[in-house]
Amino acid sequence: LLQFASIKALVMVAVVYGAGQVLESLYLTPRLVGERIGL
């Protein structure tokens, strides 16, 4: 918001952090941490 002062900031966060959550929760954590620990 401070750098762009526009809707681009919200789009950036939604895309990057949304994709990051999908990647981490649906692929990386089950693959690397393992189903055995998954609480």
PDB file of all heavy atoms in Angstrom:
ATOM      1  N   LEU A   1       0.822  -1.209   0.000  1.00  0.00           N
ATOM      2  CA  LEU A   1       0.000   0.000   0.000  1.00  0.00           C
ATOM      3  C   LEU A   1       0.858   1.262   0.000  1.00  0.00           C
ATOM      4  O   LEU A   1       0.547   2.245  -0.680  1.00  0.00           O
ATOM      5  CB  LEU A   1      -0.925   0.001   1.211  1.00  0.00           C
ATOM      6  CG  LEU A   1      -2.107  -0.975   1.167  1.00  0.00           C
ATOM      7  CD1 LEU A   1      -2.860  -0.955   2.480  1.00  0.00           C
ATOM      8  CD2 LEU A   1      -3.048  -0.652   0.012  1.00  0.00           C
ATOM      9  N   LEU A   2       1.948   1.235   0.759  1.00  0.00           N
ATOM     10  CA  LEU A   2       2.799   2.410   0.832  1.00  0.00           C
ATOM     11  C   LEU A   2       3.587   2.632  -0.455  1.00  0.00           C
ATOM     12  O   LEU A   2       3.860   3.773  -0.825  1.00  0.00           O
ATOM     13  CB  LEU A   2       3.769   2.288   2.017  1.00  0.00           C
ATOM     14  CG  LEU A   2       3.120   2.344   3.408  1.00  0.00           C
ATOM     15  CD1 LEU A   2       4.161   2.131   4.483  1.00  0.00           C
ATOM     16  CD2 LEU A   2       2.409   3.670   3.616  1.00  0.00           C
ATOM     17  N   GLN A   3       3.957   1.548  -1.136  1.00  0.00           N
ATOM     18  CA  GLN A   3       4.739   1.709  -2.359  1.00  0.00           C
ATOM     19  C   GLN A   3       3.854   2.003  -3.570  1.00  0.00           C
ATOM     20  O   GLN A   3       4.151   2.908  -4.359  1.00  0.00           O
ATOM     21  CB  GLN A   3       5.579   0.459  -2.623  1.00  0.00           C
ATOM     22  CG  GLN A   3       6.418   0.557  -3.904  1.00  0.00           C
ATOM     23  CD  GLN A   3       7.273  -0.667  -4.123  1.00  0.00           C
ATOM     24  OE1 GLN A   3       7.619  -1.376  -3.186  1.00  0.00           O
ATOM     25  NE2 GLN A   3       7.613  -0.938  -5.383  1.00  0.00           N
ATOM     26  N   PHE A   4       2.778   1.224  -3.721  1.00  0.00           N
ATOM     27  CA  PHE A   4       1.956   1.356  -4.925  1.00  0.00           C
ATOM     28  C   PHE A   4       0.785   2.316  -4.735  1.00  0.00           C
ATOM     29  O   PHE A   4       0.333   2.938  -5.694  1.00  0.00           O
ATOM     30  CB  PHE A   4       1.424  -0.013  -5.356  1.00  0.00           C
ATOM     31  CG  PHE A   4       2.503  -1.046  -5.566  1.00  0.00           C
ATOM     32  CD1 PHE A   4       2.470  -2.255  -4.895  1.00  0.00           C
ATOM     33  CD2 PHE A   4       3.555  -0.801  -6.434  1.00  0.00           C
ATOM     34  CE1 PHE A   4       3.446  -3.203  -5.084  1.00  0.00           C
ATOM     35  CE2 PHE A   4       4.544  -1.741  -6.633  1.00  0.00           C
ATOM     36  CZ  PHE A   4       4.491  -2.952  -5.949  1.00  0.00           C
ATOM     37  N   ALA A   5       0.267   2.392  -3.482  1.00  0.00           N
ATOM     38  CA  ALA A   5      -0.879   3.256  -3.173  1.00  0.00           C
ATOM     39  C   ALA A   5      -2.034   3.008  -4.136  1.00  0.00           C
ATOM     40  O   ALA A   5      -2.697   3.941  -4.601  1.00  0.00           O
ATOM     41  CB  ALA A   5      -0.465   4.728  -3.205  1.00  0.00           C
ATOM     42  N   SER A   6      -2.266   1.725  -4.453  1.00  0.00           N
ATOM     43  CA  SER A   6      -3.341   1.373  -5.382  1.00  0.00           C
ATOM     44  C   SER A   6      -3.820  -0.039  -5.087  1.00  0.00           C
ATOM     45  O   SER A   6      -3.295  -0.735  -4.208  1.00  0.00           O
ATOM     46  CB  SER A   6      -2.854   1.471  -6.836  1.00  0.00           C
ATOM     47  OG  SER A   6      -1.893   0.467  -7.107  1.00  0.00           O
ATOM     48  N   ILE A   7      -4.814  -0.460  -5.870  1.00  0.00           N
ATOM     49  CA  ILE A   7      -5.365  -1.801  -5.717  1.00  0.00           C
ATOM     50  C   ILE A   7      -4.348  -2.881  -6.057  1.00  0.00           C
ATOM     51  O   ILE A   7      -4.514  -4.052  -5.699  1.00  0.00           O
ATOM     52  CB  ILE A   7      -6.619  -1.948  -6.620  1.00  0.00           C
ATOM     53  CG1 ILE A   7      -7.457  -3.164  -6.210  1.00  0.00           C
ATOM     54  CG2 ILE A   7      -6.213  -2.049  -8.080  1.00  0.00           C
ATOM     55  CD1 ILE A   7      -8.066  -3.033  -4.844  1.00  0.00           C
ATOM     56  N   LYS A   8      -3.254  -2.498  -6.723  1.00  0.00           N
ATOM     57  CA  LYS A   8      -2.211  -3.466  -7.080  1.00  0.00           C
ATOM     58  C   LYS A   8      -1.646  -4.142  -5.841  1.00  0.00           C
ATOM     59  O   LYS A   8      -1.282  -5.335  -5.884  1.00  0.00           O
ATOM     60  CB  LYS A   8      -1.089  -2.759  -7.848  1.00  0.00           C
ATOM     61  CG  LYS A   8       0.060  -3.688  -8.247  1.00  0.00           C
ATOM     62  CD  LYS A   8       1.168  -2.937  -8.966  1.00  0.00           C
ATOM     63  CE  LYS A   8       2.325  -3.879  -9.304  1.00  0.00           C
ATOM     64  NZ  LYS A   8       3.428  -3.180 -10.002  1.00  0.00           N
ATOM     65  N   ALA A   9      -1.561  -3.422  -4.728  1.00  0.00           N
ATOM     66  CA  ALA A   9      -1.029  -4.004  -3.501  1.00  0.00           C
ATOM     67  C   ALA A   9      -1.892  -5.173  -3.029  1.00  0.00           C
ATOM     68  O   ALA A   9      -1.374  -6.237  -2.662  1.00  0.00           O
ATOM     69  CB  ALA A   9      -0.942  -2.939  -2.412  1.00  0.00           C
ATOM     70  N   LEU A  10      -3.213  -4.984  -3.047  1.00  0.00           N
ATOM     71  CA  LEU A  10      -4.113  -6.049  -2.612  1.00  0.00           C
ATOM     72  C   LEU A  10      -4.097  -7.225  -3.576  1.00  0.00           C
ATOM     73  O   LEU A  10      -4.165  -8.392  -3.161  1.00  0.00           O
ATOM     74  CB  LEU A  10      -5.534  -5.500  -2.458  1.00  0.00           C
ATOM     75  CG  LEU A  10      -5.695  -4.360  -1.447  1.00  0.00           C
ATOM     76  CD1 LEU A  10      -7.143  -3.909  -1.383  1.00  0.00           C
ATOM     77  CD2 LEU A  10      -5.205  -4.786  -0.072  1.00  0.00           C
ATOM     78  N   VAL A  11      -4.009  -6.942  -4.887  1.00  0.00           N
ATOM     79  CA  VAL A  11      -3.924  -8.017  -5.884  1.00  0.00           C
ATOM     80  C   VAL A  11      -2.644  -8.821  -5.663  1.00  0.00           C
ATOM     81  O   VAL A  11      -2.636 -10.066  -5.707  1.00  0.00           O
ATOM     82  CB  VAL A  11      -3.968  -7.438  -7.311  1.00  0.00           C
ATOM     83  CG1 VAL A  11      -3.704  -8.530  -8.340  1.00  0.00           C
ATOM     84  CG2 VAL A  11      -5.312  -6.774  -7.571  1.00  0.00           C
ATOM     85  N   MET A  12      -1.531  -8.122  -5.429  1.00  0.00           N
ATOM     86  CA  MET A  12      -0.252  -8.786  -5.194  1.00  0.00           C
ATOM     87  C   MET A  12      -0.336  -9.735  -4.005  1.00  0.00           C
ATOM     88  O   MET A  12       0.068 -10.907  -4.088  1.00  0.00           O
ATOM     89  CB  MET A  12       0.832  -7.734  -4.949  1.00  0.00           C
ATOM     90  CG  MET A  12       2.180  -8.297  -4.539  1.00  0.00           C
ATOM     91  SD  MET A  12       3.323  -7.014  -3.958  1.00  0.00           S
ATOM     92  CE  MET A  12       2.538  -6.548  -2.403  1.00  0.00           C
ATOM     93  N   VAL A  13      -0.856  -9.234  -2.897  1.00  0.00           N
ATOM     94  CA  VAL A  13      -0.940 -10.051  -1.691  1.00  0.00           C
ATOM     95  C   VAL A  13      -1.891 -11.228  -1.894  1.00  0.00           C
ATOM     96  O   VAL A  13      -1.601 -12.364  -1.485  1.00  0.00           O
ATOM     97  CB  VAL A  13      -1.386  -9.187  -0.497  1.00  0.00           C
ATOM     98  CG1 VAL A  13      -1.683 -10.056   0.706  1.00  0.00           C
ATOM     99  CG2 VAL A  13      -0.312  -8.167  -0.164  1.00  0.00           C
ATOM    100  N   ALA A  14      -3.033 -10.974  -2.540  1.00  0.00           N
ATOM    101  CA  ALA A  14      -3.998 -12.048  -2.767  1.00  0.00           C
ATOM    102  C   ALA A  14      -3.407 -13.156  -3.634  1.00  0.00           C
ATOM    103  O   ALA A  14      -3.575 -14.350  -3.336  1.00  0.00           O
ATOM    104  CB  ALA A  14      -5.262 -11.481  -3.422  1.00  0.00           C
ATOM    105  N   VAL A  15      -2.698 -12.780  -4.686  1.00  0.00           N
ATOM    106  CA  VAL A  15      -2.130 -13.782  -5.595  1.00  0.00           C
ATOM    107  C   VAL A  15      -0.984 -14.538  -4.939  1.00  0.00           C
ATOM    108  O   VAL A  15      -0.972 -15.778  -4.896  1.00  0.00           O
ATOM    109  CB  VAL A  15      -1.654 -13.105  -6.906  1.00  0.00           C
ATOM    110  CG1 VAL A  15      -0.873 -14.104  -7.763  1.00  0.00           C
ATOM    111  CG2 VAL A  15      -2.842 -12.559  -7.684  1.00  0.00           C
ATOM    112  N   VAL A  16      -0.005 -13.800  -4.410  1.00  0.00           N
ATOM    113  CA  VAL A  16       1.202 -14.444  -3.886  1.00  0.00           C
ATOM    114  C   VAL A  16       0.893 -15.248  -2.624  1.00  0.00           C
ATOM    115  O   VAL A  16       1.252 -16.431  -2.528  1.00  0.00           O
ATOM    116  CB  VAL A  16       2.289 -13.387  -3.592  1.00  0.00           C
ATOM    117  CG1 VAL A  16       3.497 -14.038  -2.923  1.00  0.00           C
ATOM    118  CG2 VAL A  16       2.713 -12.705  -4.883  1.00  0.00           C
ATOM    119  N   TYR A  17       0.210 -14.649  -1.671  1.00  0.00           N
ATOM    120  CA  TYR A  17      -0.035 -15.343  -0.413  1.00  0.00           C
ATOM    121  C   TYR A  17      -1.141 -16.387  -0.543  1.00  0.00           C
ATOM    122  O   TYR A  17      -1.115 -17.412   0.147  1.00  0.00           O
ATOM    123  CB  TYR A  17      -0.360 -14.332   0.684  1.00  0.00           C
ATOM    124  CG  TYR A  17       0.882 -13.671   1.223  1.00  0.00           C
ATOM    125  CD1 TYR A  17       1.510 -12.636   0.525  1.00  0.00           C
ATOM    126  CD2 TYR A  17       1.458 -14.089   2.406  1.00  0.00           C
ATOM    127  CE1 TYR A  17       2.660 -12.038   0.996  1.00  0.00           C
ATOM    128  CE2 TYR A  17       2.615 -13.491   2.895  1.00  0.00           C
ATOM    129  CZ  TYR A  17       3.211 -12.469   2.177  1.00  0.00           C
ATOM    130  OH  TYR A  17       4.369 -11.884   2.644  1.00  0.00           O
ATOM    131  N   GLY A  18      -2.107 -16.142  -1.433  1.00  0.00           N
ATOM    132  CA  GLY A  18      -3.106 -17.174  -1.685  1.00  0.00           C
ATOM    133  C   GLY A  18      -2.500 -18.405  -2.330  1.00  0.00           C
ATOM    134  O   GLY A  18      -2.747 -19.544  -1.904  1.00  0.00           O
ATOM    135  N   ALA A  19      -1.675 -18.197  -3.359  1.00  0.00           N
ATOM    136  CA  ALA A  19      -1.000 -19.325  -4.005  1.00  0.00           C
ATOM    137  C   ALA A  19      -0.039 -20.012  -3.044  1.00  0.00           C
ATOM    138  O   ALA A  19       0.104 -21.245  -3.053  1.00  0.00           O
ATOM    139  CB  ALA A  19      -0.251 -18.834  -5.247  1.00  0.00           C
ATOM    140  N   GLY A  20       0.611 -19.219  -2.189  1.00  0.00           N
ATOM    141  CA  GLY A  20       1.525 -19.804  -1.214  1.00  0.00           C
ATOM    142  C   GLY A  20       0.811 -20.708  -0.230  1.00  0.00           C
ATOM    143  O   GLY A  20       1.305 -21.791   0.102  1.00  0.00           O
ATOM    144  N   GLN A  21      -0.361 -20.295   0.222  1.00  0.00           N
ATOM    145  CA  GLN A  21      -1.123 -21.127   1.149  1.00  0.00           C
ATOM    146  C   GLN A  21      -1.570 -22.429   0.498  1.00  0.00           C
ATOM    147  O   GLN A  21      -1.518 -23.491   1.112  1.00  0.00           O
ATOM    148  CB  GLN A  21      -2.344 -20.357   1.652  1.00  0.00           C
ATOM    149  CG  GLN A  21      -2.075 -19.492   2.856  1.00  0.00           C
ATOM    150  CD  GLN A  21      -1.706 -20.292   4.087  1.00  0.00           C
ATOM    151  OE1 GLN A  21      -0.526 -20.560   4.342  1.00  0.00           O
ATOM    152  NE2 GLN A  21      -2.691 -20.687   4.851  1.00  0.00           N
ATOM    153  N   VAL A  22      -2.008 -22.338  -0.750  1.00  0.00           N
ATOM    154  CA  VAL A  22      -2.423 -23.552  -1.472  1.00  0.00           C
ATOM    155  C   VAL A  22      -1.239 -24.491  -1.644  1.00  0.00           C
ATOM    156  O   VAL A  22      -1.336 -25.708  -1.404  1.00  0.00           O
ATOM    157  CB  VAL A  22      -3.030 -23.178  -2.841  1.00  0.00           C
ATOM    158  CG1 VAL A  22      -3.280 -24.426  -3.673  1.00  0.00           C
ATOM    159  CG2 VAL A  22      -4.326 -22.392  -2.644  1.00  0.00           C
ATOM    160  N   LEU A  23      -0.098 -23.949  -2.068  1.00  0.00           N
ATOM    161  CA  LEU A  23       1.097 -24.769  -2.274  1.00  0.00           C
ATOM    162  C   LEU A  23       1.556 -25.416  -0.979  1.00  0.00           C
ATOM    163  O   LEU A  23       1.884 -26.614  -0.952  1.00  0.00           O
ATOM    164  CB  LEU A  23       2.213 -23.889  -2.849  1.00  0.00           C
ATOM    165  CG  LEU A  23       3.593 -24.547  -3.033  1.00  0.00           C
ATOM    166  CD1 LEU A  23       3.516 -25.654  -4.069  1.00  0.00           C
ATOM    167  CD2 LEU A  23       4.632 -23.503  -3.420  1.00  0.00           C
ATOM    168  N   GLU A  24       1.557 -24.637   0.102  1.00  0.00           N
ATOM    169  CA  GLU A  24       2.068 -25.160   1.373  1.00  0.00           C
ATOM    170  C   GLU A  24       1.133 -26.183   2.002  1.00  0.00           C
ATOM    171  O   GLU A  24       1.563 -27.237   2.466  1.00  0.00           O
ATOM    172  CB  GLU A  24       2.297 -23.983   2.333  1.00  0.00           C
ATOM    173  CG  GLU A  24       2.907 -24.378   3.665  1.00  0.00           C
ATOM    174  CD  GLU A  24       1.865 -24.622   4.736  1.00  0.00           C
ATOM    175  OE1 GLU A  24       0.787 -23.994   4.651  1.00  0.00           O
ATOM    176  OE2 GLU A  24       2.111 -25.449   5.628  1.00  0.00           O
ATOM    177  N   SER A  25      -0.170 -25.892   2.001  1.00  0.00           N
ATOM    178  CA  SER A  25      -1.109 -26.758   2.713  1.00  0.00           C
ATOM    179  C   SER A  25      -1.504 -27.997   1.926  1.00  0.00           C
ATOM    180  O   SER A  25      -1.742 -29.058   2.524  1.00  0.00           O
ATOM    181  CB  SER A  25      -2.367 -25.965   3.093  1.00  0.00           C
ATOM    182  OG  SER A  25      -3.004 -25.454   1.930  1.00  0.00           O
ATOM    183  N   LEU A  26      -1.570 -27.897   0.603  1.00  0.00           N
ATOM    184  CA  LEU A  26      -2.040 -29.026  -0.207  1.00  0.00           C
ATOM    185  C   LEU A  26      -0.924 -29.890  -0.765  1.00  0.00           C
ATOM    186  O   LEU A  26      -1.167 -31.037  -1.139  1.00  0.00           O
ATOM    187  CB  LEU A  26      -2.908 -28.528  -1.367  1.00  0.00           C
ATOM    188  CG  LEU A  26      -4.198 -27.794  -0.981  1.00  0.00           C
ATOM    189  CD1 LEU A  26      -4.992 -27.438  -2.224  1.00  0.00           C
ATOM    190  CD2 LEU A  26      -5.038 -28.637  -0.037  1.00  0.00           C
ATOM    191  N   TYR A  27       0.306 -29.362  -0.822  1.00  0.00           N
ATOM    192  CA  TYR A  27       1.377 -30.149  -1.435  1.00  0.00           C
ATOM    193  C   TYR A  27       2.601 -30.285  -0.522  1.00  0.00           C
ATOM    194  O   TYR A  27       3.008 -31.404  -0.200  1.00  0.00           O
ATOM    195  CB  TYR A  27       1.800 -29.521  -2.760  1.00  0.00           C
ATOM    196  CG  TYR A  27       2.882 -30.313  -3.469  1.00  0.00           C
ATOM    197  CD1 TYR A  27       2.561 -31.471  -4.173  1.00  0.00           C
ATOM    198  CD2 TYR A  27       4.217 -29.904  -3.409  1.00  0.00           C
ATOM    199  CE1 TYR A  27       3.559 -32.207  -4.798  1.00  0.00           C
ATOM    200  CE2 TYR A  27       5.213 -30.629  -4.041  1.00  0.00           C
ATOM    201  CZ  TYR A  27       4.885 -31.776  -4.732  1.00  0.00           C
ATOM    202  OH  TYR A  27       5.860 -32.506  -5.349  1.00  0.00           O
ATOM    203  N   LEU A  28       3.179 -29.160  -0.087  1.00  0.00           N
ATOM    204  CA  LEU A  28       4.460 -29.229   0.618  1.00  0.00           C
ATOM    205  C   LEU A  28       4.342 -29.910   1.977  1.00  0.00           C
ATOM    206  O   LEU A  28       5.117 -30.827   2.287  1.00  0.00           O
ATOM    207  CB  LEU A  28       5.038 -27.820   0.792  1.00  0.00           C
ATOM    208  CG  LEU A  28       5.539 -27.145  -0.481  1.00  0.00           C
ATOM    209  CD1 LEU A  28       6.048 -25.740  -0.165  1.00  0.00           C
ATOM    210  CD2 LEU A  28       6.640 -27.963  -1.133  1.00  0.00           C
ATOM    211  N   THR A  29       3.387 -29.463   2.797  1.00  0.00           N
ATOM    212  CA  THR A  29       3.270 -30.046   4.138  1.00  0.00           C
ATOM    213  C   THR A  29       2.910 -31.531   4.098  1.00  0.00           C
ATOM    214  O   THR A  29       3.559 -32.334   4.780  1.00  0.00           O
ATOM    215  CB  THR A  29       2.243 -29.261   4.971  1.00  0.00           C
ATOM    216  OG1 THR A  29       2.733 -27.922   5.153  1.00  0.00           O
ATOM    217  CG2 THR A  29       2.051 -29.900   6.331  1.00  0.00           C
ATOM    218  N   PRO A  30       1.910 -31.964   3.301  1.00  0.00           N
ATOM    219  CA  PRO A  30       1.667 -33.410   3.229  1.00  0.00           C
ATOM    220  C   PRO A  30       2.863 -34.191   2.675  1.00  0.00           C
ATOM    221  O   PRO A  30       3.133 -35.307   3.106  1.00  0.00           O
ATOM    222  CB  PRO A  30       0.455 -33.510   2.282  1.00  0.00           C
ATOM    223  CG  PRO A  30      -0.210 -32.191   2.375  1.00  0.00           C
ATOM    224  CD  PRO A  30       0.891 -31.200   2.562  1.00  0.00           C
ATOM    225  N   ARG A  31       3.587 -33.607   1.719  1.00  0.00           N
ATOM    226  CA  ARG A  31       4.716 -34.304   1.105  1.00  0.00           C
ATOM    227  C   ARG A  31       5.932 -34.355   2.006  1.00  0.00           C
ATOM    228  O   ARG A  31       6.562 -35.405   2.161  1.00  0.00           O
ATOM    229  CB  ARG A  31       5.093 -33.612  -0.201  1.00  0.00           C
ATOM    230  CG  ARG A  31       4.266 -34.040  -1.391  1.00  0.00           C
ATOM    231  CD  ARG A  31       4.891 -35.254  -2.013  1.00  0.00           C
ATOM    232  NE  ARG A  31       4.314 -35.537  -3.310  1.00  0.00           N
ATOM    233  CZ  ARG A  31       4.915 -36.324  -4.193  1.00  0.00           C
ATOM    234  NH1 ARG A  31       6.090 -36.842  -3.927  1.00  0.00           N
ATOM    235  NH2 ARG A  31       4.337 -36.577  -5.343  1.00  0.00           N
ATOM    236  N   LEU A  32       6.300 -33.212   2.571  1.00  0.00           N
ATOM    237  CA  LEU A  32       7.568 -33.102   3.285  1.00  0.00           C
ATOM    238  C   LEU A  32       7.442 -33.384   4.778  1.00  0.00           C
ATOM    239  O   LEU A  32       8.334 -33.964   5.381  1.00  0.00           O
ATOM    240  CB  LEU A  32       8.163 -31.699   3.073  1.00  0.00           C
ATOM    241  CG  LEU A  32       8.468 -31.337   1.617  1.00  0.00           C
ATOM    242  CD1 LEU A  32       9.013 -29.919   1.511  1.00  0.00           C
ATOM    243  CD2 LEU A  32       9.463 -32.323   1.004  1.00  0.00           C
ATOM    244  N   VAL A  33       6.347 -32.924   5.391  1.00  0.00           N
ATOM    245  CA  VAL A  33       6.163 -33.194   6.809  1.00  0.00           C
ATOM    246  C   VAL A  33       5.567 -34.578   7.014  1.00  0.00           C
ATOM    247  O   VAL A  33       5.928 -35.295   7.936  1.00  0.00           O
ATOM    248  CB  VAL A  33       5.272 -32.112   7.460  1.00  0.00           C
ATOM    249  CG1 VAL A  33       5.041 -32.411   8.927  1.00  0.00           C
ATOM    250  CG2 VAL A  33       5.923 -30.748   7.300  1.00  0.00           C
ATOM    251  N   GLY A  34       4.663 -34.959   6.131  1.00  0.00           N
ATOM    252  CA  GLY A  34       4.162 -36.326   6.156  1.00  0.00           C
ATOM    253  C   GLY A  34       2.799 -36.451   6.811  1.00  0.00           C
ATOM    254  O   GLY A  34       2.471 -35.733   7.757  1.00  0.00           O
ATOM    255  N   GLU A  35       2.019 -37.386   6.317  1.00  0.00           N
ATOM    256  CA  GLU A  35       0.691 -37.635   6.873  1.00  0.00           C
ATOM    257  C   GLU A  35       0.781 -38.172   8.290  1.00  0.00           C
ATOM    258  O   GLU A  35      -0.149 -38.057   9.077  1.00  0.00           O
ATOM    259  CB  GLU A  35      -0.049 -38.652   5.985  1.00  0.00           C
ATOM    260  CG  GLU A  35      -0.329 -38.167   4.571  1.00  0.00           C
ATOM    261  CD  GLU A  35      -1.325 -37.026   4.546  1.00  0.00           C
ATOM    262  OE1 GLU A  35      -2.041 -36.879   5.547  1.00  0.00           O
ATOM    263  OE2 GLU A  35      -1.370 -36.294   3.555  1.00  0.00           O
ATOM    264  N   ARG A  36       1.929 -38.767   8.617  1.00  0.00           N
ATOM    265  CA  ARG A  36       2.055 -39.382   9.922  1.00  0.00           C
ATOM    266  C   ARG A  36       1.978 -38.357  11.045  1.00  0.00           C
ATOM    267  O   ARG A  36       1.581 -38.656  12.163  1.00  0.00           O
ATOM    268  CB  ARG A  36       3.390 -40.120   9.986  1.00  0.00           C
ATOM    269  CG  ARG A  36       3.569 -40.937  11.236  1.00  0.00           C
ATOM    270  CD  ARG A  36       4.814 -41.761  11.139  1.00  0.00           C
ATOM    271  NE  ARG A  36       4.932 -42.611  12.294  1.00  0.00           N
ATOM    272  CZ  ARG A  36       5.905 -43.466  12.482  1.00  0.00           C
ATOM    273  NH1 ARG A  36       6.834 -43.599  11.565  1.00  0.00           N
ATOM    274  NH2 ARG A  36       5.963 -44.204  13.556  1.00  0.00           N
ATOM    275  N   ILE A  37       2.420 -37.133  10.771  1.00  0.00           N
ATOM    276  CA  ILE A  37       2.426 -36.098  11.793  1.00  0.00           C
ATOM    277  C   ILE A  37       1.238 -35.174  11.642  1.00  0.00           C
ATOM    278  O   ILE A  37       0.859 -34.500  12.585  1.00  0.00           O
ATOM    279  CB  ILE A  37       3.725 -35.266  11.705  1.00  0.00           C
ATOM    280  CG1 ILE A  37       4.899 -36.195  11.830  1.00  0.00           C
ATOM    281  CG2 ILE A  37       3.812 -34.210  12.780  1.00  0.00           C
ATOM    282  CD1 ILE A  37       6.208 -35.516  11.638  1.00  0.00           C
ATOM    283  N   GLY A  38       0.650 -35.131  10.465  1.00  0.00           N
ATOM    284  CA  GLY A  38      -0.365 -34.130  10.179  1.00  0.00           C
ATOM    285  C   GLY A  38      -1.488 -34.103  11.197  1.00  0.00           C
ATOM    286  O   GLY A  38      -2.318 -34.994  11.233  1.00  0.00           O
ATOM    287  N   LEU A  39      -1.482 -33.090  12.034  1.00  0.00           N
ATOM    288  CA  LEU A  39      -2.551 -32.892  13.000  1.00  0.00           C
ATOM    289  C   LEU A  39      -3.702 -32.151  12.337  1.00  0.00           C
ATOM    290  O   LEU A  39      -3.494 -31.343  11.440  1.00  0.00           O
ATOM    291  CB  LEU A  39      -2.037 -32.073  14.189  1.00  0.00           C
ATOM    292  CG  LEU A  39      -0.948 -32.715  15.051  1.00  0.00           C
ATOM    293  CD1 LEU A  39      -0.396 -31.683  16.030  1.00  0.00           C
ATOM    294  CD2 LEU A  39      -1.483 -33.906  15.809  1.00  0.00           C
TER     295      LEU A  39
END
